[in-house]
C-alpha cells in the first residue's frame, strides 16, 4: 500500500502504525508525536491503529532550545 510519510510517498507492507514506525526505526524513539490524517494517535494506540491506503502520517520530534 502507499501512504504519505512526512510528506513523501512510501510503499509499505505494514498494516499498523506501530509496524510502520518500527520499520522506520522510530517505534522506540522518545519525544515524538504521530498524527494520521491530521489526528494525533497516542503511543498506546499505535499497535491497534490500522493503516489505510493513502493515509497521511506525520511524525513530529520534540527538540530542546528556542
C-alpha atoms as a PDB file:
ATOM      1  CA  UNK A   1       0.000   0.000   0.000  1.00  0.00           C
ATOM      2  CA  UNK A   2       1.070   3.598  -0.400  1.00  0.00           C
ATOM      3  CA  UNK A   3       0.992   6.143   2.394  1.00  0.00           C
ATOM      4  CA  UNK A   4       2.381   9.613   2.721  1.00  0.00           C
ATOM      5  CA  UNK A   5       5.033   9.664   5.439  1.00  0.00           C
ATOM      6  CA  UNK A   6       6.351  13.078   6.469  1.00  0.00           C
ATOM      7  CA  UNK A   7       5.497  14.472   3.057  1.00  0.00           C
ATOM      8  CA  UNK A   8       6.957  11.629   0.990  1.00  0.00           C
ATOM      9  CA  UNK A   9       5.154   8.757  -0.722  1.00  0.00           C
ATOM     10  CA  UNK A  10       6.119   5.469   0.908  1.00  0.00           C
ATOM     11  CA  UNK A  11       5.312   1.949  -0.299  1.00  0.00           C
ATOM     12  CA  UNK A  12       4.800  -0.292   2.723  1.00  0.00           C
ATOM     13  CA  UNK A  13       3.578  -3.749   3.644  1.00  0.00           C
ATOM     14  CA  UNK A  14       2.960  -2.625   7.243  1.00  0.00           C
ATOM     15  CA  UNK A  15      -0.630  -2.815   8.448  1.00  0.00           C
ATOM     16  CA  UNK A  16      -0.462  -0.986  11.762  1.00  0.00           C
ATOM     17  CA  UNK A  17       1.029   2.320  12.762  1.00  0.00           C
ATOM     18  CA  UNK A  18       3.316   0.513  15.232  1.00  0.00           C
ATOM     19  CA  UNK A  19       4.655  -1.730  12.457  1.00  0.00           C
ATOM     20  CA  UNK A  20       5.299   1.254  10.187  1.00  0.00           C
ATOM     21  CA  UNK A  21       7.088   3.189  12.919  1.00  0.00           C
ATOM     22  CA  UNK A  22       9.191   0.124  13.708  1.00  0.00           C
ATOM     23  CA  UNK A  23      10.186  -0.288  10.064  1.00  0.00           C
ATOM     24  CA  UNK A  24      11.159   3.395  10.025  1.00  0.00           C
ATOM     25  CA  UNK A  25      13.180   2.841  13.242  1.00  0.00           C
ATOM     26  CA  UNK A  26      11.001   5.249  15.223  1.00  0.00           C
ATOM     27  CA  UNK A  27       8.990   2.928  17.466  1.00  0.00           C
ATOM     28  CA  UNK A  28      11.299   3.255  20.479  1.00  0.00           C
ATOM     29  CA  UNK A  29      12.202   6.894  19.968  1.00  0.00           C
ATOM     30  CA  UNK A  30      11.104   9.218  22.763  1.00  0.00           C
ATOM     31  CA  UNK A  31       9.803  12.737  22.303  1.00  0.00           C
ATOM     32  CA  UNK A  32       7.764  12.095  19.179  1.00  0.00           C
ATOM     33  CA  UNK A  33       4.134  12.713  18.332  1.00  0.00           C
ATOM     34  CA  UNK A  34       2.360  11.000  15.460  1.00  0.00           C
ATOM     35  CA  UNK A  35      -0.673  12.195  13.521  1.00  0.00           C
ATOM     36  CA  UNK A  36      -2.588  10.233  10.912  1.00  0.00           C
ATOM     37  CA  UNK A  37      -4.759  12.310   8.608  1.00  0.00           C
ATOM     38  CA  UNK A  38      -4.352  15.297  10.959  1.00  0.00           C
ATOM     39  CA  UNK A  39      -5.481  13.338  14.051  1.00  0.00           C
ATOM     40  CA  UNK A  40      -2.957  12.640  16.810  1.00  0.00           C
ATOM     41  CA  UNK A  41      -2.635   8.949  17.659  1.00  0.00           C
ATOM     42  CA  UNK A  42      -1.394   8.357  21.195  1.00  0.00           C
ATOM     43  CA  UNK A  43       1.518   5.970  21.668  1.00  0.00           C
ATOM     44  CA  UNK A  44      -0.671   3.428  23.492  1.00  0.00           C
ATOM     45  CA  UNK A  45      -2.884   3.142  20.378  1.00  0.00           C
ATOM     46  CA  UNK A  46      -0.143   2.708  17.766  1.00  0.00           C
ATOM     47  CA  UNK A  47      -0.385  -1.093  17.754  1.00  0.00           C
ATOM     48  CA  UNK A  48      -4.143  -1.088  17.173  1.00  0.00           C
ATOM     49  CA  UNK A  49      -4.272   1.745  14.631  1.00  0.00           C
ATOM     50  CA  UNK A  50      -4.794   0.129  11.220  1.00  0.00           C
ATOM     51  CA  UNK A  51      -3.246   1.892   8.240  1.00  0.00           C
ATOM     52  CA  UNK A  52      -5.216   2.506   5.081  1.00  0.00           C
ATOM     53  CA  UNK A  53      -4.178   3.286   1.531  1.00  0.00           C
ATOM     54  CA  UNK A  54      -3.151   6.952   1.145  1.00  0.00           C
ATOM     55  CA  UNK A  55      -3.047   7.726   4.866  1.00  0.00           C
ATOM     56  CA  UNK A  56      -1.088  10.896   5.593  1.00  0.00           C
ATOM     57  CA  UNK A  57       1.282  10.224   8.503  1.00  0.00           C
ATOM     58  CA  UNK A  58       3.226  12.995  10.170  1.00  0.00           C
ATOM     59  CA  UNK A  59       5.884  12.348  12.814  1.00  0.00           C
ATOM     60  CA  UNK A  60       6.989  15.343  14.849  1.00  0.00           C
ATOM     61  CA  UNK A  61      10.084  15.229  17.038  1.00  0.00           C
ATOM     62  CA  UNK A  62      10.370  17.497  20.058  1.00  0.00           C
ATOM     63  CA  UNK A  63      13.681  19.331  20.354  1.00  0.00           C
ATOM     64  CA  UNK A  64      15.128  21.413  23.147  1.00  0.00           C
ATOM     65  CA  UNK A  65      16.077  25.015  22.663  1.00  0.00           C
ATOM     66  CA  UNK A  66      14.401  28.109  21.472  1.00  0.00           C
END
